[in-house]
């Protein structure tokens, strides 16, 4: 198989076309969003999010959400 050489712009174009072809537009966007840089300080957000919870409670909630996600095809939003 011959290896093609692409510049960065061409790699993005070819990659987006492949993702869109295989996943559709919304699937490609969902995939790419997973690699977007987040905003804010995660550690500060984590502290605020879990400040009133003990480790056991966090684990129990995570386990419940995991099981719920398996029943619903993996789409679960955190609620506590």
Foldseek 3Di string as FASTA:
>chain_A
DDDDDDDPVVCVVVVLVVQCVVQNDVRSVVVVVVVDDDDDDVVVVVCVVCVVHDPVVVVVQVVVQVVVCVVVVNDGDRDD
